[in-house]
PDB file of N, CA and C in Angstrom:
ATOM      1  N   UNK A   1      18.762  37.380 -60.532  1.00  0.00           N
ATOM      2  CA  UNK A   1      18.135  38.552 -61.119  1.00  0.00           C
ATOM      3  C   UNK A   1      18.508  38.589 -62.595  1.00  0.00           C
ATOM      4  N   UNK A   2      17.532  38.555 -63.463  1.00  0.00           N
ATOM      5  CA  UNK A   2      17.827  38.515 -64.880  1.00  0.00           C
ATOM      6  C   UNK A   2      17.886  39.905 -65.512  1.00  0.00           C
ATOM      7  N   UNK A   3      17.649  40.929 -64.748  1.00  0.00           N
ATOM      8  CA  UNK A   3      17.747  42.285 -65.249  1.00  0.00           C
ATOM      9  C   UNK A   3      19.149  42.825 -64.997  1.00  0.00           C
ATOM     10  N   UNK A   4      19.470  43.910 -65.678  1.00  0.00           N
ATOM     11  CA  UNK A   4      20.734  44.575 -65.461  1.00  0.00           C
ATOM     12  C   UNK A   4      20.778  45.122 -64.037  1.00  0.00           C
ATOM     13  N   UNK A   5      21.930  45.001 -63.418  1.00  0.00           N
ATOM     14  CA  UNK A   5      22.076  45.532 -62.072  1.00  0.00           C
ATOM     15  C   UNK A   5      22.099  47.053 -62.115  1.00  0.00           C
ATOM     16  N   UNK A   6      21.662  47.658 -61.029  1.00  0.00           N
ATOM     17  CA  UNK A   6      21.689  49.110 -60.905  1.00  0.00           C
ATOM     18  C   UNK A   6      23.145  49.546 -60.789  1.00  0.00           C
ATOM     19  N   UNK A   7      23.500  50.591 -61.541  1.00  0.00           N
ATOM     20  CA  UNK A   7      24.862  51.117 -61.460  1.00  0.00           C
ATOM     21  C   UNK A   7      24.821  52.630 -61.312  1.00  0.00           C
ATOM     22  N   UNK A   8      25.944  53.217 -60.981  1.00  0.00           N
ATOM     23  CA  UNK A   8      26.040  54.635 -60.678  1.00  0.00           C
ATOM     24  C   UNK A   8      25.752  55.561 -61.832  1.00  0.00           C
ATOM     25  N   UNK A   9      25.808  55.057 -63.051  1.00  0.00           N
ATOM     26  CA  UNK A   9      25.544  55.904 -64.218  1.00  0.00           C
ATOM     27  C   UNK A   9      24.068  55.971 -64.585  1.00  0.00           C
ATOM     28  N   UNK A  10      23.238  55.215 -63.871  1.00  0.00           N
ATOM     29  CA  UNK A  10      21.794  55.249 -64.143  1.00  0.00           C
ATOM     30  C   UNK A  10      21.173  56.492 -63.528  1.00  0.00           C
ATOM     31  N   UNK A  11      20.134  56.984 -64.163  1.00  0.00           N
ATOM     32  CA  UNK A  11      19.408  58.149 -63.650  1.00  0.00           C
ATOM     33  C   UNK A  11      18.533  57.719 -62.470  1.00  0.00           C
ATOM     34  N   UNK A  12      18.506  58.548 -61.444  1.00  0.00           N
ATOM     35  CA  UNK A  12      17.731  58.250 -60.242  1.00  0.00           C
ATOM     36  C   UNK A  12      16.270  57.991 -60.594  1.00  0.00           C
ATOM     37  N   UNK A  13      15.680  58.848 -61.428  1.00  0.00           N
ATOM     38  CA  UNK A  13      14.269  58.701 -61.779  1.00  0.00           C
ATOM     39  C   UNK A  13      13.995  57.348 -62.427  1.00  0.00           C
ATOM     40  N   UNK A  14      14.871  56.932 -63.342  1.00  0.00           N
ATOM     41  CA  UNK A  14      14.670  55.652 -64.023  1.00  0.00           C
ATOM     42  C   UNK A  14      14.666  54.499 -63.024  1.00  0.00           C
ATOM     43  N   UNK A  15      15.567  54.562 -62.058  1.00  0.00           N
ATOM     44  CA  UNK A  15      15.669  53.489 -61.070  1.00  0.00           C
ATOM     45  C   UNK A  15      14.419  53.457 -60.190  1.00  0.00           C
ATOM     46  N   UNK A  16      13.997  54.609 -59.657  1.00  0.00           N
ATOM     47  CA  UNK A  16      12.823  54.577 -58.764  1.00  0.00           C
ATOM     48  C   UNK A  16      11.534  54.324 -59.542  1.00  0.00           C
ATOM     49  N   UNK A  17      11.520  54.667 -60.814  1.00  0.00           N
ATOM     50  CA  UNK A  17      10.337  54.403 -61.635  1.00  0.00           C
ATOM     51  C   UNK A  17      10.233  52.912 -61.965  1.00  0.00           C
ATOM     52  N   UNK A  18      11.345  52.296 -62.324  1.00  0.00           N
ATOM     53  CA  UNK A  18      11.350  50.880 -62.680  1.00  0.00           C
ATOM     54  C   UNK A  18      11.324  49.975 -61.446  1.00  0.00           C
ATOM     55  N   UNK A  19      11.825  50.480 -60.332  1.00  0.00           N
ATOM     56  CA  UNK A  19      11.928  49.680 -59.094  1.00  0.00           C
ATOM     57  C   UNK A  19      11.489  50.545 -57.910  1.00  0.00           C
ATOM     58  N   UNK A  20      10.199  50.720 -57.704  1.00  0.00           N
ATOM     59  CA  UNK A  20       9.707  51.599 -56.636  1.00  0.00           C
ATOM     60  C   UNK A  20      10.239  51.246 -55.249  1.00  0.00           C
ATOM     61  N   UNK A  21      10.614  49.993 -55.041  1.00  0.00           N
ATOM     62  CA  UNK A  21      11.143  49.574 -53.753  1.00  0.00           C
ATOM     63  C   UNK A  21      12.463  50.278 -53.416  1.00  0.00           C
ATOM     64  N   UNK A  22      13.148  50.836 -54.417  1.00  0.00           N
ATOM     65  CA  UNK A  22      14.414  51.512 -54.162  1.00  0.00           C
ATOM     66  C   UNK A  22      14.226  52.879 -53.516  1.00  0.00           C
ATOM     67  N   UNK A  23      13.040  53.452 -53.614  1.00  0.00           N
ATOM     68  CA  UNK A  23      12.799  54.759 -53.001  1.00  0.00           C
ATOM     69  C   UNK A  23      13.099  54.717 -51.510  1.00  0.00           C
ATOM     70  N   UNK A  24      12.725  53.644 -50.851  1.00  0.00           N
ATOM     71  CA  UNK A  24      12.982  53.500 -49.414  1.00  0.00           C
ATOM     72  C   UNK A  24      14.474  53.551 -49.105  1.00  0.00           C
ATOM     73  N   UNK A  25      15.290  52.999 -49.980  1.00  0.00           N
ATOM     74  CA  UNK A  25      16.742  53.030 -49.777  1.00  0.00           C
ATOM     75  C   UNK A  25      17.238  54.467 -49.878  1.00  0.00           C
ATOM     76  N   UNK A  26      16.808  55.183 -50.906  1.00  0.00           N
ATOM     77  CA  UNK A  26      17.220  56.578 -51.043  1.00  0.00           C
ATOM     78  C   UNK A  26      16.799  57.388 -49.816  1.00  0.00           C
ATOM     79  N   UNK A  27      15.567  57.201 -49.355  1.00  0.00           N
ATOM     80  CA  UNK A  27      15.074  57.936 -48.187  1.00  0.00           C
ATOM     81  C   UNK A  27      15.875  57.574 -46.942  1.00  0.00           C
ATOM     82  N   UNK A  28      16.236  56.323 -46.792  1.00  0.00           N
ATOM     83  CA  UNK A  28      17.030  55.860 -45.640  1.00  0.00           C
ATOM     84  C   UNK A  28      18.350  56.620 -45.552  1.00  0.00           C
ATOM     85  N   UNK A  29      18.926  56.920 -46.693  1.00  0.00           N
ATOM     86  CA  UNK A  29      20.207  57.621 -46.737  1.00  0.00           C
ATOM     87  C   UNK A  29      20.068  59.146 -46.689  1.00  0.00           C
ATOM     88  N   UNK A  30      18.856  59.633 -46.501  1.00  0.00           N
ATOM     89  CA  UNK A  30      18.663  61.067 -46.334  1.00  0.00           C
ATOM     90  C   UNK A  30      18.359  61.839 -47.602  1.00  0.00           C
ATOM     91  N   UNK A  31      18.135  61.140 -48.692  1.00  0.00           N
ATOM     92  CA  UNK A  31      17.743  61.826 -49.922  1.00  0.00           C
ATOM     93  C   UNK A  31      16.287  62.287 -49.777  1.00  0.00           C
ATOM     94  N   UNK A  32      15.935  63.388 -50.413  1.00  0.00           N
ATOM     95  CA  UNK A  32      14.544  63.842 -50.354  1.00  0.00           C
ATOM     96  C   UNK A  32      13.635  62.925 -51.179  1.00  0.00           C
ATOM     97  N   UNK A  33      12.342  63.079 -50.991  1.00  0.00           N
ATOM     98  CA  UNK A  33      11.373  62.315 -51.780  1.00  0.00           C
ATOM     99  C   UNK A  33      11.434  62.823 -53.210  1.00  0.00           C
ATOM    100  N   UNK A  34      12.032  62.049 -54.072  1.00  0.00           N
ATOM    101  CA  UNK A  34      12.296  62.483 -55.437  1.00  0.00           C
ATOM    102  C   UNK A  34      11.128  62.284 -56.378  1.00  0.00           C
ATOM    103  N   UNK A  35       9.960  62.030 -55.826  1.00  0.00           N
ATOM    104  CA  UNK A  35       8.763  61.905 -56.657  1.00  0.00           C
ATOM    105  C   UNK A  35       8.030  63.227 -56.757  1.00  0.00           C
ATOM    106  N   UNK A  36       8.460  64.229 -56.001  1.00  0.00           N
ATOM    107  CA  UNK A  36       7.686  65.459 -55.882  1.00  0.00           C
ATOM    108  C   UNK A  36       8.523  66.707 -56.168  1.00  0.00           C
ATOM    109  N   UNK A  37       7.848  67.707 -56.694  1.00  0.00           N
ATOM    110  CA  UNK A  37       8.432  69.038 -56.852  1.00  0.00           C
ATOM    111  C   UNK A  37       9.726  69.087 -57.632  1.00  0.00           C
ATOM    112  N   UNK A  38      10.592  69.990 -57.213  1.00  0.00           N
ATOM    113  CA  UNK A  38      11.870  70.214 -57.889  1.00  0.00           C
ATOM    114  C   UNK A  38      12.749  68.973 -57.845  1.00  0.00           C
ATOM    115  N   UNK A  39      12.582  68.158 -56.798  1.00  0.00           N
ATOM    116  CA  UNK A  39      13.383  66.941 -56.684  1.00  0.00           C
ATOM    117  C   UNK A  39      13.051  65.960 -57.804  1.00  0.00           C
ATOM    118  N   UNK A  40      11.792  65.910 -58.210  1.00  0.00           N
ATOM    119  CA  UNK A  40      11.405  65.039 -59.325  1.00  0.00           C
ATOM    120  C   UNK A  40      12.065  65.508 -60.613  1.00  0.00           C
ATOM    121  N   UNK A  41      12.136  66.809 -60.790  1.00  0.00           N
ATOM    122  CA  UNK A  41      12.788  67.337 -61.993  1.00  0.00           C
ATOM    123  C   UNK A  41      14.268  66.986 -62.008  1.00  0.00           C
ATOM    124  N   UNK A  42      14.941  67.173 -60.869  1.00  0.00           N
ATOM    125  CA  UNK A  42      16.372  66.875 -60.835  1.00  0.00           C
ATOM    126  C   UNK A  42      16.632  65.373 -60.946  1.00  0.00           C
ATOM    127  N   UNK A  43      15.720  64.545 -60.425  1.00  0.00           N
ATOM    128  CA  UNK A  43      15.903  63.088 -60.494  1.00  0.00           C
ATOM    129  C   UNK A  43      15.909  62.587 -61.931  1.00  0.00           C
ATOM    130  N   UNK A  44      15.257  63.320 -62.835  1.00  0.00           N
ATOM    131  CA  UNK A  44      15.229  62.923 -64.246  1.00  0.00           C
ATOM    132  C   UNK A  44      16.604  63.051 -64.905  1.00  0.00           C
ATOM    133  N   UNK A  45      17.435  63.947 -64.394  1.00  0.00           N
ATOM    134  CA  UNK A  45      18.751  64.153 -65.008  1.00  0.00           C
ATOM    135  C   UNK A  45      19.909  63.689 -64.128  1.00  0.00           C
ATOM    136  N   UNK A  46      19.650  63.483 -62.837  1.00  0.00           N
ATOM    137  CA  UNK A  46      20.720  63.151 -61.898  1.00  0.00           C
ATOM    138  C   UNK A  46      21.038  61.661 -61.908  1.00  0.00           C
ATOM    139  N   UNK A  47      22.316  61.373 -62.046  1.00  0.00           N
ATOM    140  CA  UNK A  47      22.773  59.994 -61.968  1.00  0.00           C
ATOM    141  C   UNK A  47      22.945  59.618 -60.497  1.00  0.00           C
ATOM    142  N   UNK A  48      22.889  58.325 -60.228  1.00  0.00           N
ATOM    143  CA  UNK A  48      22.999  57.851 -58.855  1.00  0.00           C
ATOM    144  C   UNK A  48      24.320  58.291 -58.227  1.00  0.00           C
ATOM    145  N   UNK A  49      25.416  58.226 -58.965  1.00  0.00           N
ATOM    146  CA  UNK A  49      26.704  58.660 -58.416  1.00  0.00           C
ATOM    147  C   UNK A  49      26.669  60.129 -58.012  1.00  0.00           C
ATOM    148  N   UNK A  50      26.012  60.959 -58.796  1.00  0.00           N
ATOM    149  CA  UNK A  50      25.904  62.381 -58.459  1.00  0.00           C
ATOM    150  C   UNK A  50      25.100  62.564 -57.187  1.00  0.00           C
ATOM    151  N   UNK A  51      23.975  61.857 -57.097  1.00  0.00           N
ATOM    152  CA  UNK A  51      23.120  61.953 -55.911  1.00  0.00           C
ATOM    153  C   UNK A  51      23.896  61.539 -54.666  1.00  0.00           C
ATOM    154  N   UNK A  52      24.666  60.466 -54.766  1.00  0.00           N
ATOM    155  CA  UNK A  52      25.459  60.008 -53.631  1.00  0.00           C
ATOM    156  C   UNK A  52      26.469  61.075 -53.210  1.00  0.00           C
ATOM    157  N   UNK A  53      27.122  61.670 -54.173  1.00  0.00           N
ATOM    158  CA  UNK A  53      28.120  62.699 -53.867  1.00  0.00           C
ATOM    159  C   UNK A  53      27.473  63.924 -53.215  1.00  0.00           C
ATOM    160  N   UNK A  54      26.375  64.377 -53.769  1.00  0.00           N
ATOM    161  CA  UNK A  54      25.684  65.560 -53.237  1.00  0.00           C
ATOM    162  C   UNK A  54      25.219  65.341 -51.804  1.00  0.00           C
ATOM    163  N   UNK A  55      24.766  64.132 -51.504  1.00  0.00           N
ATOM    164  CA  UNK A  55      24.219  63.836 -50.174  1.00  0.00           C
ATOM    165  C   UNK A  55      25.242  63.165 -49.256  1.00  0.00           C
ATOM    166  N   UNK A  56      26.515  63.167 -49.662  1.00  0.00           N
ATOM    167  CA  UNK A  56      27.611  62.611 -48.851  1.00  0.00           C
ATOM    168  C   UNK A  56      27.349  61.157 -48.457  1.00  0.00           C
ATOM    169  N   UNK A  57      26.978  60.369 -49.467  1.00  0.00           N
ATOM    170  CA  UNK A  57      26.684  58.952 -49.278  1.00  0.00           C
ATOM    171  C   UNK A  57      27.758  58.144 -49.988  1.00  0.00           C
ATOM    172  N   UNK A  58      28.213  57.080 -49.363  1.00  0.00           N
ATOM    173  CA  UNK A  58      29.150  56.169 -50.007  1.00  0.00           C
ATOM    174  C   UNK A  58      28.417  55.504 -51.172  1.00  0.00           C
ATOM    175  N   UNK A  59      28.835  55.791 -52.391  1.00  0.00           N
ATOM    176  CA  UNK A  59      28.106  55.301 -53.567  1.00  0.00           C
ATOM    177  C   UNK A  59      28.119  53.782 -53.658  1.00  0.00           C
ATOM    178  N   UNK A  60      29.211  53.138 -53.242  1.00  0.00           N
ATOM    179  CA  UNK A  60      29.249  51.676 -53.289  1.00  0.00           C
ATOM    180  C   UNK A  60      28.205  51.068 -52.354  1.00  0.00           C
ATOM    181  N   UNK A  61      28.098  51.612 -51.149  1.00  0.00           N
ATOM    182  CA  UNK A  61      27.103  51.110 -50.194  1.00  0.00           C
ATOM    183  C   UNK A  61      25.692  51.337 -50.720  1.00  0.00           C
ATOM    184  N   UNK A  62      25.449  52.531 -51.278  1.00  0.00           N
ATOM    185  CA  UNK A  62      24.138  52.847 -51.822  1.00  0.00           C
ATOM    186  C   UNK A  62      23.775  51.878 -52.939  1.00  0.00           C
ATOM    187  N   UNK A  63      24.692  51.649 -53.859  1.00  0.00           N
ATOM    188  CA  UNK A  63      24.430  50.735 -54.966  1.00  0.00           C
ATOM    189  C   UNK A  63      24.185  49.309 -54.484  1.00  0.00           C
ATOM    190  N   UNK A  64      24.938  48.872 -53.490  1.00  0.00           N
ATOM    191  CA  UNK A  64      24.719  47.535 -52.928  1.00  0.00           C
ATOM    192  C   UNK A  64      23.311  47.415 -52.361  1.00  0.00           C
ATOM    193  N   UNK A  65      22.885  48.421 -51.609  1.00  0.00           N
ATOM    194  CA  UNK A  65      21.552  48.364 -51.006  1.00  0.00           C
ATOM    195  C   UNK A  65      20.444  48.477 -52.041  1.00  0.00           C
ATOM    196  N   UNK A  66      20.656  49.302 -53.065  1.00  0.00           N
ATOM    197  CA  UNK A  66      19.657  49.418 -54.128  1.00  0.00           C
ATOM    198  C   UNK A  66      19.491  48.078 -54.841  1.00  0.00           C
ATOM    199  N   UNK A  67      20.592  47.445 -55.168  1.00  0.00           N
ATOM    200  CA  UNK A  67      20.528  46.147 -55.848  1.00  0.00           C
ATOM    201  C   UNK A  67      19.944  45.073 -54.939  1.00  0.00           C
ATOM    202  N   UNK A  68      20.259  45.125 -53.662  1.00  0.00           N
ATOM    203  CA  UNK A  68      19.695  44.156 -52.719  1.00  0.00           C
ATOM    204  C   UNK A  68      18.180  44.331 -52.630  1.00  0.00           C
ATOM    205  N   UNK A  69      17.717  45.584 -52.603  1.00  0.00           N
ATOM    206  CA  UNK A  69      16.273  45.846 -52.533  1.00  0.00           C
ATOM    207  C   UNK A  69      15.556  45.280 -53.746  1.00  0.00           C
ATOM    208  N   UNK A  70      16.156  45.424 -54.910  1.00  0.00           N
ATOM    209  CA  UNK A  70      15.555  44.908 -56.141  1.00  0.00           C
ATOM    210  C   UNK A  70      15.559  43.385 -56.142  1.00  0.00           C
ATOM    211  N   UNK A  71      16.643  42.792 -55.703  1.00  0.00           N
ATOM    212  CA  UNK A  71      16.761  41.334 -55.700  1.00  0.00           C
ATOM    213  C   UNK A  71      15.812  40.686 -54.703  1.00  0.00           C
ATOM    214  N   UNK A  72      15.491  41.383 -53.616  1.00  0.00           N
ATOM    215  CA  UNK A  72      14.629  40.822 -52.584  1.00  0.00           C
ATOM    216  C   UNK A  72      13.155  40.966 -52.905  1.00  0.00           C
ATOM    217  N   UNK A  73      12.829  41.686 -53.963  1.00  0.00           N
ATOM    218  CA  UNK A  73      11.441  41.902 -54.333  1.00  0.00           C
ATOM    219  C   UNK A  73      10.981  40.797 -55.272  1.00  0.00           C
ATOM    220  N   UNK A  74       9.940  40.059 -54.870  1.00  0.00           N
ATOM    221  CA  UNK A  74       9.425  39.010 -55.758  1.00  0.00           C
ATOM    222  C   UNK A  74       8.892  39.609 -57.052  1.00  0.00           C
ATOM    223  N   UNK A  75       9.090  38.901 -58.150  1.00  0.00           N
ATOM    224  CA  UNK A  75       8.569  39.390 -59.431  1.00  0.00           C
ATOM    225  C   UNK A  75       7.061  39.513 -59.382  1.00  0.00           C
ATOM    226  N   UNK A  76       6.560  40.543 -60.027  1.00  0.00           N
ATOM    227  CA  UNK A  76       5.118  40.747 -60.089  1.00  0.00           C
ATOM    228  C   UNK A  76       4.558  41.555 -58.946  1.00  0.00           C
ATOM    229  N   UNK A  77       5.359  41.811 -57.913  1.00  0.00           N
ATOM    230  CA  UNK A  77       4.854  42.629 -56.802  1.00  0.00           C
ATOM    231  C   UNK A  77       5.412  44.033 -56.938  1.00  0.00           C
ATOM    232  N   UNK A  78       4.706  44.958 -56.371  1.00  0.00           N
ATOM    233  CA  UNK A  78       5.130  46.348 -56.431  1.00  0.00           C
ATOM    234  C   UNK A  78       5.138  46.922 -55.026  1.00  0.00           C
ATOM    235  N   UNK A  79       6.205  46.650 -54.244  1.00  0.00           N
ATOM    236  CA  UNK A  79       6.271  47.195 -52.904  1.00  0.00           C
ATOM    237  C   UNK A  79       6.611  48.670 -52.925  1.00  0.00           C
ATOM    238  N   UNK A  80       6.434  49.300 -51.804  1.00  0.00           N
ATOM    239  CA  UNK A  80       6.812  50.696 -51.685  1.00  0.00           C
ATOM    240  C   UNK A  80       5.790  51.626 -52.281  1.00  0.00           C
ATOM    241  N   UNK A  81       6.021  52.917 -52.092  1.00  0.00           N
ATOM    242  CA  UNK A  81       5.089  53.932 -52.573  1.00  0.00           C
ATOM    243  C   UNK A  81       5.086  54.032 -54.090  1.00  0.00           C
ATOM    244  N   UNK A  82       3.956  54.360 -54.617  1.00  0.00           N
ATOM    245  CA  UNK A  82       3.787  54.514 -56.052  1.00  0.00           C
ATOM    246  C   UNK A  82       4.349  55.848 -56.512  1.00  0.00           C
ATOM    247  N   UNK A  83       4.783  55.902 -57.751  1.00  0.00           N
ATOM    248  CA  UNK A  83       5.300  57.153 -58.313  1.00  0.00           C
ATOM    249  C   UNK A  83       4.191  58.000 -58.908  1.00  0.00           C
ATOM    250  N   UNK A  84       2.987  57.494 -58.944  1.00  0.00           N
ATOM    251  CA  UNK A  84       1.883  58.227 -59.579  1.00  0.00           C
ATOM    252  C   UNK A  84       1.043  58.952 -58.571  1.00  0.00           C
TER     253      UNK A  84
END
């Protein structure tokens, strides 16, 4: 992977916007759909570490799965639901 790895200081919105495949990981861990309503607003300012803490998720496990999801996605494809 030639891009920077996802880390806990990144904003949730930036990660799901740049890597739509990560939305499935967030949903798997019980996070709400952050593309809609008030959750979309909070995702713009919320860092991944904060989201993990709020939802009682092990941040290391979450980050591992987010990075794995990005690494498993072939370049040029856009899996998962669209943010638009």
